[in-house]
PDB file of all heavy atoms in Angstrom:
ATOM      1  N   LEU A   1      79.173 178.079 113.752  1.00  0.00           N
ATOM      2  CA  LEU A   1      79.691 178.923 114.830  1.00  0.00           C
ATOM      3  C   LEU A   1      80.963 178.322 115.419  1.00  0.00           C
ATOM      4  O   LEU A   1      81.176 177.103 115.356  1.00  0.00           O
ATOM      5  CB  LEU A   1      78.641 179.038 115.944  1.00  0.00           C
ATOM      6  CG  LEU A   1      77.291 179.634 115.561  1.00  0.00           C
ATOM      7  CD1 LEU A   1      76.299 179.443 116.698  1.00  0.00           C
ATOM      8  CD2 LEU A   1      77.435 181.104 115.214  1.00  0.00           C
ATOM      9  N   PRO A   2      81.809 179.140 116.057  1.00  0.00           N
ATOM     10  CA  PRO A   2      82.922 178.587 116.814  1.00  0.00           C
ATOM     11  C   PRO A   2      82.411 177.656 117.909  1.00  0.00           C
ATOM     12  O   PRO A   2      81.296 177.833 118.426  1.00  0.00           O
ATOM     13  CB  PRO A   2      83.596 179.832 117.408  1.00  0.00           C
ATOM     14  CG  PRO A   2      83.157 180.965 116.540  1.00  0.00           C
ATOM     15  CD  PRO A   2      81.777 180.622 116.069  1.00  0.00           C
ATOM     16  N   PHE A   3      83.234 176.709 118.309  1.00  0.00           N
ATOM     17  CA  PHE A   3      82.786 175.655 119.212  1.00  0.00           C
ATOM     18  C   PHE A   3      82.125 176.199 120.478  1.00  0.00           C
ATOM     19  O   PHE A   3      81.022 175.777 120.847  1.00  0.00           O
ATOM     20  CB  PHE A   3      83.963 174.750 119.587  1.00  0.00           C
ATOM     21  CG  PHE A   3      83.603 173.675 120.565  1.00  0.00           C
ATOM     22  CD1 PHE A   3      82.822 172.601 120.180  1.00  0.00           C
ATOM     23  CD2 PHE A   3      84.042 173.735 121.886  1.00  0.00           C
ATOM     24  CE1 PHE A   3      82.475 171.597 121.089  1.00  0.00           C
ATOM     25  CE2 PHE A   3      83.701 172.747 122.799  1.00  0.00           C
ATOM     26  CZ  PHE A   3      82.917 171.673 122.402  1.00  0.00           C
ATOM     27  N   LEU A   4      82.754 177.128 121.151  1.00  0.00           N
ATOM     28  CA  LEU A   4      82.207 177.600 122.431  1.00  0.00           C
ATOM     29  C   LEU A   4      80.919 178.388 122.264  1.00  0.00           C
ATOM     30  O   LEU A   4      80.139 178.521 123.227  1.00  0.00           O
ATOM     31  CB  LEU A   4      83.253 178.429 123.179  1.00  0.00           C
ATOM     32  CG  LEU A   4      84.458 177.642 123.703  1.00  0.00           C
ATOM     33  CD1 LEU A   4      85.481 178.579 124.330  1.00  0.00           C
ATOM     34  CD2 LEU A   4      84.025 176.571 124.719  1.00  0.00           C
ATOM     35  N   ASP A   5      80.648 178.896 121.070  1.00  0.00           N
ATOM     36  CA  ASP A   5      79.395 179.609 120.816  1.00  0.00           C
ATOM     37  C   ASP A   5      78.244 178.661 120.501  1.00  0.00           C
ATOM     38  O   ASP A   5      77.074 179.073 120.491  1.00  0.00           O
ATOM     39  CB  ASP A   5      79.570 180.592 119.656  1.00  0.00           C
ATOM     40  CG  ASP A   5      80.499 181.743 119.997  1.00  0.00           C
ATOM     41  OD1 ASP A   5      80.704 181.993 121.198  1.00  0.00           O
ATOM     42  OD2 ASP A   5      81.027 182.380 119.064  1.00  0.00           O
ATOM     43  N   ARG A   6      78.558 177.401 120.259  1.00  0.00           N
ATOM     44  CA  ARG A   6      77.505 176.439 119.897  1.00  0.00           C
ATOM     45  C   ARG A   6      76.625 176.094 121.097  1.00  0.00           C
ATOM     46  O   ARG A   6      75.471 175.685 120.924  1.00  0.00           O
ATOM     47  CB  ARG A   6      78.140 175.166 119.319  1.00  0.00           C
ATOM     48  CG  ARG A   6      78.894 175.420 118.023  1.00  0.00           C
ATOM     49  CD  ARG A   6      79.647 174.189 117.550  1.00  0.00           C
ATOM     50  NE  ARG A   6      80.675 174.568 116.581  1.00  0.00           N
ATOM     51  CZ  ARG A   6      81.598 173.749 116.102  1.00  0.00           C
ATOM     52  NH1 ARG A   6      81.621 172.489 116.502  1.00  0.00           N
ATOM     53  NH2 ARG A   6      82.499 174.192 115.241  1.00  0.00           N
ATOM     54  N   PHE A   7      77.131 176.255 122.319  1.00  0.00           N
ATOM     55  CA  PHE A   7      76.337 175.938 123.503  1.00  0.00           C
ATOM     56  C   PHE A   7      75.122 176.858 123.585  1.00  0.00           C
ATOM     57  O   PHE A   7      73.994 176.402 123.810  1.00  0.00           O
ATOM     58  CB  PHE A   7      77.205 176.061 124.755  1.00  0.00           C
ATOM     59  CG  PHE A   7      78.294 175.031 124.835  1.00  0.00           C
ATOM     60  CD1 PHE A   7      79.493 175.205 124.155  1.00  0.00           C
ATOM     61  CD2 PHE A   7      78.119 173.883 125.583  1.00  0.00           C
ATOM     62  CE1 PHE A   7      80.505 174.258 124.233  1.00  0.00           C
ATOM     63  CE2 PHE A   7      79.123 172.919 125.668  1.00  0.00           C
ATOM     64  CZ  PHE A   7      80.315 173.117 124.985  1.00  0.00           C
ATOM     65  N   GLY A   8      75.337 178.136 123.406  1.00  0.00           N
ATOM     66  CA  GLY A   8      74.229 179.075 123.435  1.00  0.00           C
ATOM     67  C   GLY A   8      73.245 178.835 122.312  1.00  0.00           C
ATOM     68  O   GLY A   8      72.027 178.953 122.493  1.00  0.00           O
ATOM     69  N   ALA A   9      73.760 178.485 121.128  1.00  0.00           N
ATOM     70  CA  ALA A   9      72.882 178.210 119.989  1.00  0.00           C
ATOM     71  C   ALA A   9      72.023 176.981 120.250  1.00  0.00           C
ATOM     72  O   ALA A   9      70.832 176.950 119.902  1.00  0.00           O
ATOM     73  CB  ALA A   9      73.719 178.022 118.722  1.00  0.00           C
ATOM     74  N   ALA A  10      72.616 175.964 120.875  1.00  0.00           N
ATOM     75  CA  ALA A  10      71.845 174.760 121.194  1.00  0.00           C
ATOM     76  C   ALA A  10      70.736 175.070 122.192  1.00  0.00           C
ATOM     77  O   ALA A  10      69.590 174.618 122.040  1.00  0.00           O
ATOM     78  CB  ALA A  10      72.770 173.681 121.737  1.00  0.00           C
ATOM     79  N   ALA A  11      71.049 175.855 123.218  1.00  0.00           N
ATOM     80  CA  ALA A  11      70.034 176.222 124.203  1.00  0.00           C
ATOM     81  C   ALA A  11      68.927 177.050 123.563  1.00  0.00           C
ATOM     82  O   ALA A  11      67.741 176.835 123.843  1.00  0.00           O
ATOM     83  CB  ALA A  11      70.678 176.988 125.347  1.00  0.00           C
ATOM     84  N   ALA A  12      69.303 177.974 122.678  1.00  0.00           N
ATOM     85  CA  ALA A  12      68.305 178.811 122.013  1.00  0.00           C
ATOM     86  C   ALA A  12      67.389 177.987 121.124  1.00  0.00           C
ATOM     87  O   ALA A  12      66.219 178.346 120.912  1.00  0.00           O
ATOM     88  CB  ALA A  12      69.006 179.897 121.192  1.00  0.00           C
ATOM     89  N   ALA A  13      67.905 176.861 120.608  1.00  0.00           N
ATOM     90  CA  ALA A  13      67.093 175.990 119.752  1.00  0.00           C
ATOM     91  C   ALA A  13      66.236 175.023 120.559  1.00  0.00           C
ATOM     92  O   ALA A  13      65.478 174.240 119.975  1.00  0.00           O
ATOM     93  CB  ALA A  13      68.004 175.213 118.812  1.00  0.00           C
ATOM     94  N   GLY A  14      66.336 175.066 121.884  1.00  0.00           N
ATOM     95  CA  GLY A  14      65.472 174.248 122.726  1.00  0.00           C
ATOM     96  C   GLY A  14      66.113 173.010 123.313  1.00  0.00           C
ATOM     97  O   GLY A  14      65.446 172.239 124.015  1.00  0.00           O
ATOM     98  N   PHE A  15      67.403 172.790 123.057  1.00  0.00           N
ATOM     99  CA  PHE A  15      68.071 171.632 123.640  1.00  0.00           C
ATOM    100  C   PHE A  15      68.377 171.881 125.115  1.00  0.00           C
ATOM    101  O   PHE A  15      68.739 172.987 125.507  1.00  0.00           O
ATOM    102  CB  PHE A  15      69.379 171.336 122.895  1.00  0.00           C
ATOM    103  CG  PHE A  15      69.186 170.751 121.530  1.00  0.00           C
ATOM    104  CD1 PHE A  15      69.281 171.550 120.391  1.00  0.00           C
ATOM    105  CD2 PHE A  15      68.915 169.396 121.371  1.00  0.00           C
ATOM    106  CE1 PHE A  15      69.113 171.010 119.126  1.00  0.00           C
ATOM    107  CE2 PHE A  15      68.746 168.853 120.106  1.00  0.00           C
ATOM    108  CZ  PHE A  15      68.837 169.658 118.981  1.00  0.00           C
ATOM    109  N   GLU A  16      68.267 170.828 125.904  1.00  0.00           N
ATOM    110  CA  GLU A  16      68.605 170.898 127.324  1.00  0.00           C
ATOM    111  C   GLU A  16      69.906 170.191 127.636  1.00  0.00           C
ATOM    112  O   GLU A  16      70.381 170.235 128.778  1.00  0.00           O
ATOM    113  CB  GLU A  16      67.471 170.297 128.157  1.00  0.00           C
ATOM    114  CG  GLU A  16      66.152 171.058 128.019  1.00  0.00           C
ATOM    115  CD  GLU A  16      65.036 170.441 128.833  1.00  0.00           C
ATOM    116  OE1 GLU A  16      65.278 169.392 129.483  1.00  0.00           O
ATOM    117  OE2 GLU A  16      63.930 170.999 128.835  1.00  0.00           O
ATOM    118  N   ALA A  17      70.474 169.531 126.643  1.00  0.00           N
ATOM    119  CA  ALA A  17      71.720 168.796 126.840  1.00  0.00           C
ATOM    120  C   ALA A  17      72.545 168.846 125.569  1.00  0.00           C
ATOM    121  O   ALA A  17      72.016 169.095 124.472  1.00  0.00           O
ATOM    122  CB  ALA A  17      71.434 167.349 127.221  1.00  0.00           C
ATOM    123  N   VAL A  18      73.838 168.594 125.729  1.00  0.00           N
ATOM    124  CA  VAL A  18      74.752 168.553 124.586  1.00  0.00           C
ATOM    125  C   VAL A  18      75.705 167.376 124.750  1.00  0.00           C
ATOM    126  O   VAL A  18      75.904 166.846 125.847  1.00  0.00           O
ATOM    127  CB  VAL A  18      75.571 169.856 124.437  1.00  0.00           C
ATOM    128  CG1 VAL A  18      74.662 171.035 124.148  1.00  0.00           C
ATOM    129  CG2 VAL A  18      76.430 170.113 125.671  1.00  0.00           C
ATOM    130  N   GLU A  19      76.273 166.969 123.639  1.00  0.00           N
ATOM    131  CA  GLU A  19      77.382 166.035 123.600  1.00  0.00           C
ATOM    132  C   GLU A  19      78.342 166.533 122.535  1.00  0.00           C
ATOM    133  O   GLU A  19      78.006 167.435 121.765  1.00  0.00           O
ATOM    134  CB  GLU A  19      76.895 164.622 123.270  1.00  0.00           C
ATOM    135  CG  GLU A  19      76.241 164.509 121.893  1.00  0.00           C
ATOM    136  CD  GLU A  19      75.846 163.086 121.518  1.00  0.00           C
ATOM    137  OE1 GLU A  19      75.429 162.327 122.408  1.00  0.00           O
ATOM    138  OE2 GLU A  19      75.954 162.748 120.312  1.00  0.00           O
ATOM    139  N   PHE A  20      79.525 165.984 122.492  1.00  0.00           N
ATOM    140  CA  PHE A  20      80.471 166.290 121.421  1.00  0.00           C
ATOM    141  C   PHE A  20      81.528 165.198 121.430  1.00  0.00           C
ATOM    142  O   PHE A  20      81.581 164.358 122.342  1.00  0.00           O
ATOM    143  CB  PHE A  20      81.108 167.676 121.596  1.00  0.00           C
ATOM    144  CG  PHE A  20      81.470 168.057 123.002  1.00  0.00           C
ATOM    145  CD1 PHE A  20      82.509 167.422 123.678  1.00  0.00           C
ATOM    146  CD2 PHE A  20      80.748 169.043 123.671  1.00  0.00           C
ATOM    147  CE1 PHE A  20      82.832 167.762 124.974  1.00  0.00           C
ATOM    148  CE2 PHE A  20      81.072 169.391 124.979  1.00  0.00           C
ATOM    149  CZ  PHE A  20      82.118 168.750 125.629  1.00  0.00           C
ATOM    150  N   LEU A  21      82.369 165.201 120.400  1.00  0.00           N
ATOM    151  CA  LEU A  21      83.400 164.171 120.332  1.00  0.00           C
ATOM    152  C   LEU A  21      84.449 164.370 121.416  1.00  0.00           C
ATOM    153  O   LEU A  21      84.667 163.502 122.255  1.00  0.00           O
ATOM    154  CB  LEU A  21      84.050 164.160 118.946  1.00  0.00           C
ATOM    155  CG  LEU A  21      83.144 163.764 117.772  1.00  0.00           C
ATOM    156  CD1 LEU A  21      83.930 163.785 116.467  1.00  0.00           C
ATOM    157  CD2 LEU A  21      82.517 162.391 117.993  1.00  0.00           C
ATOM    158  N   PHE A  22      85.115 165.521 121.401  1.00  0.00           N
ATOM    159  CA  PHE A  22      86.263 165.723 122.286  1.00  0.00           C
ATOM    160  C   PHE A  22      86.284 167.155 122.816  1.00  0.00           C
ATOM    161  O   PHE A  22      86.101 168.099 122.054  1.00  0.00           O
ATOM    162  CB  PHE A  22      87.581 165.457 121.538  1.00  0.00           C
ATOM    163  CG  PHE A  22      87.547 164.198 120.730  1.00  0.00           C
ATOM    164  CD1 PHE A  22      87.492 164.256 119.348  1.00  0.00           C
ATOM    165  CD2 PHE A  22      87.562 162.958 121.343  1.00  0.00           C
ATOM    166  CE1 PHE A  22      87.450 163.098 118.591  1.00  0.00           C
ATOM    167  CE2 PHE A  22      87.522 161.791 120.605  1.00  0.00           C
ATOM    168  CZ  PHE A  22      87.461 161.860 119.209  1.00  0.00           C
ATOM    169  N   PRO A  23      86.568 167.326 124.098  1.00  0.00           N
ATOM    170  CA  PRO A  23      86.648 168.673 124.676  1.00  0.00           C
ATOM    171  C   PRO A  23      88.064 169.191 124.858  1.00  0.00           C
ATOM    172  O   PRO A  23      88.258 170.300 125.331  1.00  0.00           O
ATOM    173  CB  PRO A  23      86.026 168.457 126.054  1.00  0.00           C
ATOM    174  CG  PRO A  23      86.482 167.072 126.435  1.00  0.00           C
ATOM    175  CD  PRO A  23      86.512 166.283 125.135  1.00  0.00           C
ATOM    176  N   TYR A  24      89.065 168.417 124.482  1.00  0.00           N
ATOM    177  CA  TYR A  24      90.409 168.616 125.027  1.00  0.00           C
ATOM    178  C   TYR A  24      91.162 169.823 124.476  1.00  0.00           C
ATOM    179  O   TYR A  24      92.224 170.174 125.001  1.00  0.00           O
ATOM    180  CB  TYR A  24      91.219 167.331 124.842  1.00  0.00           C
ATOM    181  CG  TYR A  24      90.478 166.125 125.364  1.00  0.00           C
ATOM    182  CD1 TYR A  24      89.932 165.179 124.491  1.00  0.00           C
ATOM    183  CD2 TYR A  24      90.247 165.968 126.729  1.00  0.00           C
ATOM    184  CE1 TYR A  24      89.208 164.102 124.966  1.00  0.00           C
ATOM    185  CE2 TYR A  24      89.522 164.884 127.219  1.00  0.00           C
ATOM    186  CZ  TYR A  24      89.008 163.955 126.320  1.00  0.00           C
ATOM    187  OH  TYR A  24      88.278 162.901 126.793  1.00  0.00           O
ATOM    188  N   GLU A  25      90.635 170.458 123.435  1.00  0.00           N
ATOM    189  CA  GLU A  25      91.266 171.676 122.925  1.00  0.00           C
ATOM    190  C   GLU A  25      90.927 172.895 123.780  1.00  0.00           C
ATOM    191  O   GLU A  25      91.502 173.975 123.571  1.00  0.00           O
ATOM    192  CB  GLU A  25      90.849 171.935 121.475  1.00  0.00           C
ATOM    193  CG  GLU A  25      91.407 170.913 120.492  1.00  0.00           C
ATOM    194  CD  GLU A  25      91.057 171.248 119.062  1.00  0.00           C
ATOM    195  OE1 GLU A  25      90.381 172.282 118.837  1.00  0.00           O
ATOM    196  OE2 GLU A  25      91.456 170.479 118.158  1.00  0.00           O
ATOM    197  N   HIS A  26      90.004 172.732 124.713  1.00  0.00           N
ATOM    198  CA  HIS A  26      89.556 173.846 125.560  1.00  0.00           C
ATOM    199  C   HIS A  26      89.686 173.443 127.024  1.00  0.00           C
ATOM    200  O   HIS A  26      89.444 172.296 127.388  1.00  0.00           O
ATOM    201  CB  HIS A  26      88.103 174.205 125.252  1.00  0.00           C
ATOM    202  CG  HIS A  26      87.870 174.596 123.831  1.00  0.00           C
ATOM    203  ND1 HIS A  26      88.030 175.881 123.375  1.00  0.00           N
ATOM    204  CD2 HIS A  26      87.491 173.856 122.751  1.00  0.00           C
ATOM    205  CE1 HIS A  26      87.761 175.932 122.083  1.00  0.00           C
ATOM    206  NE2 HIS A  26      87.431 174.715 121.684  1.00  0.00           N
ATOM    207  N   PRO A  27      90.031 174.380 127.892  1.00  0.00           N
ATOM    208  CA  PRO A  27      90.041 174.073 129.330  1.00  0.00           C
ATOM    209  C   PRO A  27      88.657 173.617 129.789  1.00  0.00           C
ATOM    210  O   PRO A  27      87.631 174.157 129.363  1.00  0.00           O
ATOM    211  CB  PRO A  27      90.430 175.410 129.967  1.00  0.00           C
ATOM    212  CG  PRO A  27      91.128 176.169 128.901  1.00  0.00           C
ATOM    213  CD  PRO A  27      90.468 175.764 127.614  1.00  0.00           C
ATOM    214  N   ALA A  28      88.643 172.615 130.645  1.00  0.00           N
ATOM    215  CA  ALA A  28      87.372 172.091 131.129  1.00  0.00           C
ATOM    216  C   ALA A  28      86.526 173.176 131.780  1.00  0.00           C
ATOM    217  O   ALA A  28      85.293 173.211 131.627  1.00  0.00           O
ATOM    218  CB  ALA A  28      87.617 170.946 132.105  1.00  0.00           C
ATOM    219  N   GLU A  29      87.162 174.080 132.510  1.00  0.00           N
ATOM    220  CA  GLU A  29      86.428 175.138 133.205  1.00  0.00           C
ATOM    221  C   GLU A  29      85.723 176.071 132.228  1.00  0.00           C
ATOM    222  O   GLU A  29      84.629 176.578 132.521  1.00  0.00           O
ATOM    223  CB  GLU A  29      87.380 175.924 134.097  1.00  0.00           C
ATOM    224  CG  GLU A  29      87.922 175.145 135.279  1.00  0.00           C
ATOM    225  CD  GLU A  29      89.017 174.157 134.900  1.00  0.00           C
ATOM    226  OE1 GLU A  29      89.523 174.224 133.745  1.00  0.00           O
ATOM    227  OE2 GLU A  29      89.373 173.317 135.748  1.00  0.00           O
ATOM    228  N   GLU A  30      86.335 176.280 131.070  1.00  0.00           N
ATOM    229  CA  GLU A  30      85.732 177.146 130.059  1.00  0.00           C
ATOM    230  C   GLU A  30      84.448 176.521 129.519  1.00  0.00           C
ATOM    231  O   GLU A  30      83.428 177.205 129.330  1.00  0.00           O
ATOM    232  CB  GLU A  30      86.733 177.350 128.915  1.00  0.00           C
ATOM    233  CG  GLU A  30      86.724 178.731 128.296  1.00  0.00           C
ATOM    234  CD  GLU A  30      87.898 178.926 127.354  1.00  0.00           C
ATOM    235  OE1 GLU A  30      88.001 178.155 126.369  1.00  0.00           O
ATOM    236  OE2 GLU A  30      88.696 179.834 127.594  1.00  0.00           O
ATOM    237  N   ILE A  31      84.492 175.222 129.282  1.00  0.00           N
ATOM    238  CA  ILE A  31      83.299 174.520 128.807  1.00  0.00           C
ATOM    239  C   ILE A  31      82.239 174.475 129.903  1.00  0.00           C
ATOM    240  O   ILE A  31      81.044 174.681 129.644  1.00  0.00           O
ATOM    241  CB  ILE A  31      83.668 173.105 128.345  1.00  0.00           C
ATOM    242  CG1 ILE A  31      84.636 173.170 127.158  1.00  0.00           C
ATOM    243  CG2 ILE A  31      82.417 172.314 127.962  1.00  0.00           C
ATOM    244  CD1 ILE A  31      85.185 171.826 126.740  1.00  0.00           C
ATOM    245  N   ALA A  32      82.669 174.221 131.127  1.00  0.00           N
ATOM    246  CA  ALA A  32      81.715 174.180 132.248  1.00  0.00           C
ATOM    247  C   ALA A  32      80.996 175.510 132.405  1.00  0.00           C
ATOM    248  O   ALA A  32      79.791 175.545 132.720  1.00  0.00           O
ATOM    249  CB  ALA A  32      82.444 173.811 133.537  1.00  0.00           C
ATOM    250  N   ASP A  33      81.698 176.597 132.166  1.00  0.00           N
ATOM    251  CA  ASP A  33      81.056 177.917 132.245  1.00  0.00           C
ATOM    252  C   ASP A  33      79.946 178.043 131.216  1.00  0.00           C
ATOM    253  O   ASP A  33      78.883 178.610 131.503  1.00  0.00           O
ATOM    254  CB  ASP A  33      82.092 179.020 132.036  1.00  0.00           C
ATOM    255  CG  ASP A  33      83.002 179.212 133.236  1.00  0.00           C
ATOM    256  OD1 ASP A  33      82.663 178.699 134.318  1.00  0.00           O
ATOM    257  OD2 ASP A  33      84.056 179.868 133.081  1.00  0.00           O
ATOM    258  N   ARG A  34      80.179 177.527 130.007  1.00  0.00           N
ATOM    259  CA  ARG A  34      79.143 177.607 128.964  1.00  0.00           C
ATOM    260  C   ARG A  34      77.953 176.731 129.323  1.00  0.00           C
ATOM    261  O   ARG A  34      76.802 177.115 129.094  1.00  0.00           O
ATOM    262  CB  ARG A  34      79.729 177.192 127.609  1.00  0.00           C
ATOM    263  CG  ARG A  34      80.869 178.071 127.114  1.00  0.00           C
ATOM    264  CD  ARG A  34      80.457 179.519 126.948  1.00  0.00           C
ATOM    265  NE  ARG A  34      81.582 180.371 126.617  1.00  0.00           N
ATOM    266  CZ  ARG A  34      81.761 180.970 125.441  1.00  0.00           C
ATOM    267  NH1 ARG A  34      80.880 180.812 124.478  1.00  0.00           N
ATOM    268  NH2 ARG A  34      82.817 181.731 125.243  1.00  0.00           N
ATOM    269  N   LEU A  35      78.213 175.564 129.851  1.00  0.00           N
ATOM    270  CA  LEU A  35      77.110 174.697 130.276  1.00  0.00           C
ATOM    271  C   LEU A  35      76.268 175.389 131.339  1.00  0.00           C
ATOM    272  O   LEU A  35      75.027 175.392 131.265  1.00  0.00           O
ATOM    273  CB  LEU A  35      77.667 173.381 130.827  1.00  0.00           C
ATOM    274  CG  LEU A  35      78.352 172.444 129.836  1.00  0.00           C
ATOM    275  CD1 LEU A  35      79.075 171.322 130.586  1.00  0.00           C
ATOM    276  CD2 LEU A  35      77.353 171.855 128.840  1.00  0.00           C
ATOM    277  N   SER A  36      76.917 175.976 132.318  1.00  0.00           N
ATOM    278  CA  SER A  36      76.206 176.647 133.407  1.00  0.00           C
ATOM    279  C   SER A  36      75.448 177.867 132.897  1.00  0.00           C
ATOM    280  O   SER A  36      74.280 178.084 133.260  1.00  0.00           O
ATOM    281  CB  SER A  36      77.204 177.051 134.486  1.00  0.00           C
ATOM    282  OG  SER A  36      76.570 177.767 135.517  1.00  0.00           O
TER     283      SER A  36
END
């Protein structure tokens, strides 16, 4: 999946947390929205 769609996939698979190498290709607020 595209990077920003992976957050939903992780939650659907039962994960409560995520990590990744680097966030800098995306605005921090965009990633924060997916986390929330």
